Structure formats: C-alpha cells, structure tokens
Amino acid sequence: MNKAFCDLTGYTFEELKTMDWARVLTPPEYLPMEMEKLAELVKTGQPVRYEKEYIRKDKSRVPIECS
C-alpha cells in the first residue's frame, strides 16, 4: 500500500493493514468475476486485466482497473 492507495480508498495505512482490504473494499457483485480472473492468472501464469469498483471508507464507490 502507498499514499495513492490510501487516498483512493479513504483509509489510512494503519486501517488497511489491519483488514482484509481486498474483500472489504470489493463489492460482493464483483467477487465471482474477480475469483475467475485470479484463477485464470494462476492457471496460465499470464497477467489478466479487469475492471471493478472499490467501496471507499465513506461508502462511495470508485472504479478501478486491476492488472
């Protein structure tokens, strides 16, 4: 994590390091797609790119691209 990630999510570094931020920040409707993309990464060893949203600390959502 870095300052940009903290700014993006609205959480401090201290808050993020004590939570399962990958699950807490990801809306439930994106979890199946994300698990599929990560399984593809493990299977092929090739980078995958996908879009989803994070739920910020203030409960607003921000679109992100993962790679």
PDB file of N, CA and C in Angstrom:
ATOM      1  N   MET A   1       0.836  -1.174   0.000  1.00  0.00           N
ATOM      2  CA  MET A   1       0.000   0.000   0.000  1.00  0.00           C
ATOM      3  C   MET A   1       0.882   1.239   0.000  1.00  0.00           C
ATOM      4  N   ASN A   2       0.353   2.277  -0.601  1.00  0.00           N
ATOM      5  CA  ASN A   2       1.064   3.542  -0.626  1.00  0.00           C
ATOM      6  C   ASN A   2       0.058   4.676  -0.427  1.00  0.00           C
ATOM      7  N   LYS A   3       0.542   5.902  -0.425  1.00  0.00           N
ATOM      8  CA  LYS A   3      -0.326   7.058  -0.193  1.00  0.00           C
ATOM      9  C   LYS A   3      -1.439   7.150  -1.235  1.00  0.00           C
ATOM     10  N   ALA A   4      -1.127   6.852  -2.493  1.00  0.00           N
ATOM     11  CA  ALA A   4      -2.141   6.916  -3.547  1.00  0.00           C
ATOM     12  C   ALA A   4      -3.278   5.931  -3.276  1.00  0.00           C
ATOM     13  N   PHE A   5      -2.930   4.719  -2.812  1.00  0.00           N
ATOM     14  CA  PHE A   5      -3.963   3.723  -2.496  1.00  0.00           C
ATOM     15  C   PHE A   5      -4.796   4.196  -1.315  1.00  0.00           C
ATOM     16  N   CYS A   6      -4.150   4.754  -0.314  1.00  0.00           N
ATOM     17  CA  CYS A   6      -4.878   5.289   0.847  1.00  0.00           C
ATOM     18  C   CYS A   6      -5.809   6.427   0.401  1.00  0.00           C
ATOM     19  N   ASP A   7      -5.304   7.313  -0.426  1.00  0.00           N
ATOM     20  CA  ASP A   7      -6.132   8.416  -0.924  1.00  0.00           C
ATOM     21  C   ASP A   7      -7.317   7.889  -1.738  1.00  0.00           C
ATOM     22  N   LEU A   8      -7.081   6.865  -2.543  1.00  0.00           N
ATOM     23  CA  LEU A   8      -8.134   6.288  -3.377  1.00  0.00           C
ATOM     24  C   LEU A   8      -9.237   5.676  -2.527  1.00  0.00           C
ATOM     25  N   THR A   9      -8.862   4.984  -1.458  1.00  0.00           N
ATOM     26  CA  THR A   9      -9.841   4.260  -0.653  1.00  0.00           C
ATOM     27  C   THR A   9     -10.397   5.064   0.518  1.00  0.00           C
ATOM     28  N   GLY A  10      -9.676   6.092   0.924  1.00  0.00           N
ATOM     29  CA  GLY A  10     -10.119   6.883   2.064  1.00  0.00           C
ATOM     30  C   GLY A  10      -9.682   6.325   3.407  1.00  0.00           C
ATOM     31  N   TYR A  11      -8.960   5.216   3.393  1.00  0.00           N
ATOM     32  CA  TYR A  11      -8.470   4.604   4.624  1.00  0.00           C
ATOM     33  C   TYR A  11      -7.012   4.972   4.851  1.00  0.00           C
ATOM     34  N   THR A  12      -6.606   4.970   6.097  1.00  0.00           N
ATOM     35  CA  THR A  12      -5.197   5.187   6.417  1.00  0.00           C
ATOM     36  C   THR A  12      -4.437   3.876   6.224  1.00  0.00           C
ATOM     37  N   PHE A  13      -3.118   3.988   6.157  1.00  0.00           N
ATOM     38  CA  PHE A  13      -2.271   2.806   6.064  1.00  0.00           C
ATOM     39  C   PHE A  13      -2.524   1.897   7.259  1.00  0.00           C
ATOM     40  N   GLU A  14      -2.620   2.482   8.438  1.00  0.00           N
ATOM     41  CA  GLU A  14      -2.852   1.686   9.656  1.00  0.00           C
ATOM     42  C   GLU A  14      -4.169   0.920   9.576  1.00  0.00           C
ATOM     43  N   GLU A  15      -5.222   1.555   9.072  1.00  0.00           N
ATOM     44  CA  GLU A  15      -6.510   0.867   8.940  1.00  0.00           C
ATOM     45  C   GLU A  15      -6.417  -0.269   7.924  1.00  0.00           C
ATOM     46  N   LEU A  16      -5.807   0.002   6.790  1.00  0.00           N
ATOM     47  CA  LEU A  16      -5.725  -1.003   5.727  1.00  0.00           C
ATOM     48  C   LEU A  16      -4.902  -2.219   6.146  1.00  0.00           C
ATOM     49  N   LYS A  17      -3.843  -2.015   6.903  1.00  0.00           N
ATOM     50  CA  LYS A  17      -3.002  -3.158   7.258  1.00  0.00           C
ATOM     51  C   LYS A  17      -3.648  -4.067   8.289  1.00  0.00           C
ATOM     52  N   THR A  18      -4.741  -3.635   8.917  1.00  0.00           N
ATOM     53  CA  THR A  18      -5.426  -4.482   9.896  1.00  0.00           C
ATOM     54  C   THR A  18      -6.670  -5.148   9.324  1.00  0.00           C
ATOM     55  N   MET A  19      -6.975  -4.939   8.045  1.00  0.00           N
ATOM     56  CA  MET A  19      -8.188  -5.516   7.465  1.00  0.00           C
ATOM     57  C   MET A  19      -7.859  -6.370   6.242  1.00  0.00           C
ATOM     58  N   ASP A  20      -8.779  -7.223   5.892  1.00  0.00           N
ATOM     59  CA  ASP A  20      -8.695  -7.970   4.632  1.00  0.00           C
ATOM     60  C   ASP A  20      -9.230  -7.029   3.557  1.00  0.00           C
ATOM     61  N   TRP A  21      -8.412  -6.051   3.180  1.00  0.00           N
ATOM     62  CA  TRP A  21      -8.879  -4.962   2.328  1.00  0.00           C
ATOM     63  C   TRP A  21      -9.344  -5.438   0.963  1.00  0.00           C
ATOM     64  N   ALA A  22      -8.768  -6.509   0.425  1.00  0.00           N
ATOM     65  CA  ALA A  22      -9.204  -6.999  -0.886  1.00  0.00           C
ATOM     66  C   ALA A  22     -10.681  -7.397  -0.847  1.00  0.00           C
ATOM     67  N   ARG A  23     -11.112  -7.967   0.258  1.00  0.00           N
ATOM     68  CA  ARG A  23     -12.522  -8.360   0.393  1.00  0.00           C
ATOM     69  C   ARG A  23     -13.396  -7.217   0.911  1.00  0.00           C
ATOM     70  N   VAL A  24     -12.898  -6.462   1.844  1.00  0.00           N
ATOM     71  CA  VAL A  24     -13.688  -5.372   2.424  1.00  0.00           C
ATOM     72  C   VAL A  24     -13.993  -4.300   1.385  1.00  0.00           C
ATOM     73  N   LEU A  25     -13.031  -4.000   0.545  1.00  0.00           N
ATOM     74  CA  LEU A  25     -13.201  -2.931  -0.431  1.00  0.00           C
ATOM     75  C   LEU A  25     -13.935  -3.366  -1.691  1.00  0.00           C
ATOM     76  N   THR A  26     -13.981  -4.658  -1.964  1.00  0.00           N
ATOM     77  CA  THR A  26     -14.612  -5.147  -3.189  1.00  0.00           C
ATOM     78  C   THR A  26     -16.095  -5.408  -2.959  1.00  0.00           C
ATOM     79  N   PRO A  27     -16.963  -4.758  -3.754  1.00  0.00           N
ATOM     80  CA  PRO A  27     -18.396  -5.030  -3.630  1.00  0.00           C
ATOM     81  C   PRO A  27     -18.698  -6.504  -3.932  1.00  0.00           C
ATOM     82  N   PRO A  28     -19.674  -7.085  -3.251  1.00  0.00           N
ATOM     83  CA  PRO A  28     -19.967  -8.511  -3.403  1.00  0.00           C
ATOM     84  C   PRO A  28     -20.237  -8.940  -4.842  1.00  0.00           C
ATOM     85  N   GLU A  29     -20.845  -8.083  -5.630  1.00  0.00           N
ATOM     86  CA  GLU A  29     -21.183  -8.475  -7.000  1.00  0.00           C
ATOM     87  C   GLU A  29     -19.945  -8.659  -7.891  1.00  0.00           C
ATOM     88  N   TYR A  30     -18.784  -8.176  -7.452  1.00  0.00           N
ATOM     89  CA  TYR A  30     -17.549  -8.333  -8.231  1.00  0.00           C
ATOM     90  C   TYR A  30     -16.729  -9.555  -7.808  1.00  0.00           C
ATOM     91  N   LEU A  31     -17.035 -10.152  -6.680  1.00  0.00           N
ATOM     92  CA  LEU A  31     -16.216 -11.253  -6.169  1.00  0.00           C
ATOM     93  C   LEU A  31     -16.162 -12.466  -7.096  1.00  0.00           C
ATOM     94  N   PRO A  32     -17.291 -12.936  -7.671  1.00  0.00           N
ATOM     95  CA  PRO A  32     -17.188 -14.091  -8.570  1.00  0.00           C
ATOM     96  C   PRO A  32     -16.289 -13.821  -9.782  1.00  0.00           C
ATOM     97  N   MET A  33     -16.438 -12.667 -10.398  1.00  0.00           N
ATOM     98  CA  MET A  33     -15.613 -12.319 -11.546  1.00  0.00           C
ATOM     99  C   MET A  33     -14.149 -12.215 -11.139  1.00  0.00           C
ATOM    100  N   GLU A  34     -13.886 -11.639  -9.996  1.00  0.00           N
ATOM    101  CA  GLU A  34     -12.508 -11.496  -9.552  1.00  0.00           C
ATOM    102  C   GLU A  34     -11.873 -12.863  -9.273  1.00  0.00           C
ATOM    103  N   MET A  35     -12.613 -13.764  -8.645  1.00  0.00           N
ATOM    104  CA  MET A  35     -12.090 -15.106  -8.390  1.00  0.00           C
ATOM    105  C   MET A  35     -11.792 -15.818  -9.716  1.00  0.00           C
ATOM    106  N   GLU A  36     -12.642 -15.625 -10.714  1.00  0.00           N
ATOM    107  CA  GLU A  36     -12.425 -16.215 -12.034  1.00  0.00           C
ATOM    108  C   GLU A  36     -11.144 -15.669 -12.665  1.00  0.00           C
ATOM    109  N   LYS A  37     -10.943 -14.364 -12.578  1.00  0.00           N
ATOM    110  CA  LYS A  37      -9.757 -13.743 -13.171  1.00  0.00           C
ATOM    111  C   LYS A  37      -8.484 -14.200 -12.448  1.00  0.00           C
ATOM    112  N   LEU A  38      -8.545 -14.311 -11.134  1.00  0.00           N
ATOM    113  CA  LEU A  38      -7.372 -14.763 -10.382  1.00  0.00           C
ATOM    114  C   LEU A  38      -7.066 -16.233 -10.664  1.00  0.00           C
ATOM    115  N   ALA A  39      -8.106 -17.035 -10.860  1.00  0.00           N
ATOM    116  CA  ALA A  39      -7.894 -18.440 -11.225  1.00  0.00           C
ATOM    117  C   ALA A  39      -7.242 -18.527 -12.601  1.00  0.00           C
ATOM    118  N   GLU A  40      -7.660 -17.663 -13.506  1.00  0.00           N
ATOM    119  CA  GLU A  40      -7.049 -17.615 -14.840  1.00  0.00           C
ATOM    120  C   GLU A  40      -5.563 -17.262 -14.730  1.00  0.00           C
ATOM    121  N   LEU A  41      -5.238 -16.316 -13.879  1.00  0.00           N
ATOM    122  CA  LEU A  41      -3.848 -15.923 -13.657  1.00  0.00           C
ATOM    123  C   LEU A  41      -3.029 -17.108 -13.148  1.00  0.00           C
ATOM    124  N   VAL A  42      -3.566 -17.817 -12.166  1.00  0.00           N
ATOM    125  CA  VAL A  42      -2.862 -18.968 -11.600  1.00  0.00           C
ATOM    126  C   VAL A  42      -2.690 -20.061 -12.658  1.00  0.00           C
ATOM    127  N   LYS A  43      -3.727 -20.307 -13.441  1.00  0.00           N
ATOM    128  CA  LYS A  43      -3.689 -21.377 -14.442  1.00  0.00           C
ATOM    129  C   LYS A  43      -2.709 -21.085 -15.573  1.00  0.00           C
ATOM    130  N   THR A  44      -2.736 -19.857 -16.078  1.00  0.00           N
ATOM    131  CA  THR A  44      -1.932 -19.527 -17.265  1.00  0.00           C
ATOM    132  C   THR A  44      -0.592 -18.887 -16.931  1.00  0.00           C
ATOM    133  N   GLY A  45      -0.501 -18.287 -15.766  1.00  0.00           N
ATOM    134  CA  GLY A  45       0.713 -17.550 -15.421  1.00  0.00           C
ATOM    135  C   GLY A  45       0.833 -16.228 -16.160  1.00  0.00           C
ATOM    136  N   GLN A  46      -0.214 -15.895 -16.900  1.00  0.00           N
ATOM    137  CA  GLN A  46      -0.225 -14.660 -17.682  1.00  0.00           C
ATOM    138  C   GLN A  46      -1.028 -13.577 -16.949  1.00  0.00           C
ATOM    139  N   PRO A  47      -0.570 -12.337 -17.033  1.00  0.00           N
ATOM    140  CA  PRO A  47      -1.315 -11.251 -16.394  1.00  0.00           C
ATOM    141  C   PRO A  47      -2.740 -11.149 -16.955  1.00  0.00           C
ATOM    142  N   VAL A  48      -3.646 -10.792 -16.098  1.00  0.00           N
ATOM    143  CA  VAL A  48      -5.030 -10.547 -16.515  1.00  0.00           C
ATOM    144  C   VAL A  48      -5.381  -9.114 -16.140  1.00  0.00           C
ATOM    145  N   ARG A  49      -6.247  -8.522 -16.915  1.00  0.00           N
ATOM    146  CA  ARG A  49      -6.681  -7.152 -16.659  1.00  0.00           C
ATOM    147  C   ARG A  49      -8.207  -7.165 -16.563  1.00  0.00           C
ATOM    148  N   TYR A  50      -8.719  -6.485 -15.547  1.00  0.00           N
ATOM    149  CA  TYR A  50     -10.167  -6.393 -15.391  1.00  0.00           C
ATOM    150  C   TYR A  50     -10.517  -5.128 -14.631  1.00  0.00           C
ATOM    151  N   GLU A  51     -11.780  -4.750 -14.749  1.00  0.00           N
ATOM    152  CA  GLU A  51     -12.290  -3.555 -14.077  1.00  0.00           C
ATOM    153  C   GLU A  51     -13.281  -3.968 -13.008  1.00  0.00           C
ATOM    154  N   LYS A  52     -13.278  -3.209 -11.943  1.00  0.00           N
ATOM    155  CA  LYS A  52     -14.248  -3.404 -10.868  1.00  0.00           C
ATOM    156  C   LYS A  52     -14.347  -2.088 -10.107  1.00  0.00           C
ATOM    157  N   GLU A  53     -14.939  -2.111  -8.950  1.00  0.00           N
ATOM    158  CA  GLU A  53     -15.033  -0.924  -8.098  1.00  0.00           C
ATOM    159  C   GLU A  53     -14.504  -1.279  -6.717  1.00  0.00           C
ATOM    160  N   TYR A  54     -14.092  -0.274  -6.007  1.00  0.00           N
ATOM    161  CA  TYR A  54     -13.811  -0.387  -4.587  1.00  0.00           C
ATOM    162  C   TYR A  54     -14.858   0.426  -3.840  1.00  0.00           C
ATOM    163  N   ILE A  55     -15.178  -0.036  -2.645  1.00  0.00           N
ATOM    164  CA  ILE A  55     -16.040   0.721  -1.744  1.00  0.00           C
ATOM    165  C   ILE A  55     -15.110   1.522  -0.836  1.00  0.00           C
ATOM    166  N   ARG A  56     -15.196   2.837  -0.952  1.00  0.00           N
ATOM    167  CA  ARG A  56     -14.359   3.709  -0.145  1.00  0.00           C
ATOM    168  C   ARG A  56     -14.860   3.742   1.301  1.00  0.00           C
ATOM    169  N   LYS A  57     -14.063   4.274   2.182  1.00  0.00           N
ATOM    170  CA  LYS A  57     -14.424   4.368   3.603  1.00  0.00           C
ATOM    171  C   LYS A  57     -15.732   5.120   3.793  1.00  0.00           C
ATOM    172  N   ASP A  58     -15.984   6.133   2.958  1.00  0.00           N
ATOM    173  CA  ASP A  58     -17.223   6.913   3.076  1.00  0.00           C
ATOM    174  C   ASP A  58     -18.413   6.240   2.389  1.00  0.00           C
ATOM    175  N   LYS A  59     -18.204   4.992   1.938  1.00  0.00           N
ATOM    176  CA  LYS A  59     -19.229   4.142   1.297  1.00  0.00           C
ATOM    177  C   LYS A  59     -19.492   4.522  -0.164  1.00  0.00           C
ATOM    178  N   SER A  60     -18.818   5.530  -0.694  1.00  0.00           N
ATOM    179  CA  SER A  60     -18.931   5.803  -2.119  1.00  0.00           C
ATOM    180  C   SER A  60     -18.112   4.751  -2.863  1.00  0.00           C
ATOM    181  N   ARG A  61     -18.304   4.677  -4.151  1.00  0.00           N
ATOM    182  CA  ARG A  61     -17.580   3.695  -4.956  1.00  0.00           C
ATOM    183  C   ARG A  61     -16.671   4.402  -5.941  1.00  0.00           C
ATOM    184  N   VAL A  62     -15.558   3.751  -6.205  1.00  0.00           N
ATOM    185  CA  VAL A  62     -14.591   4.301  -7.155  1.00  0.00           C
ATOM    186  C   VAL A  62     -14.204   3.191  -8.136  1.00  0.00           C
ATOM    187  N   PRO A  63     -14.279   3.467  -9.448  1.00  0.00           N
ATOM    188  CA  PRO A  63     -13.900   2.438 -10.418  1.00  0.00           C
ATOM    189  C   PRO A  63     -12.377   2.277 -10.440  1.00  0.00           C
ATOM    190  N   ILE A  64     -11.938   1.024 -10.596  1.00  0.00           N
ATOM    191  CA  ILE A  64     -10.508   0.745 -10.686  1.00  0.00           C
ATOM    192  C   ILE A  64     -10.270  -0.272 -11.793  1.00  0.00           C
ATOM    193  N   GLU A  65      -9.044  -0.325 -12.239  1.00  0.00           N
ATOM    194  CA  GLU A  65      -8.616  -1.356 -13.185  1.00  0.00           C
ATOM    195  C   GLU A  65      -7.505  -2.154 -12.516  1.00  0.00           C
ATOM    196  N   CYS A  66      -7.644  -3.459 -12.526  1.00  0.00           N
ATOM    197  CA  CYS A  66      -6.649  -4.333 -11.911  1.00  0.00           C
ATOM    198  C   CYS A  66      -5.846  -5.028 -13.001  1.00  0.00           C
ATOM    199  N   SER A  67      -4.602  -5.263 -12.694  1.00  0.00           N
ATOM    200  CA  SER A  67      -3.747  -5.946 -13.652  1.00  0.00           C
ATOM    201  C   SER A  67      -2.779  -6.826 -12.881  1.00  0.00           C
TER     202      SER A  67
END
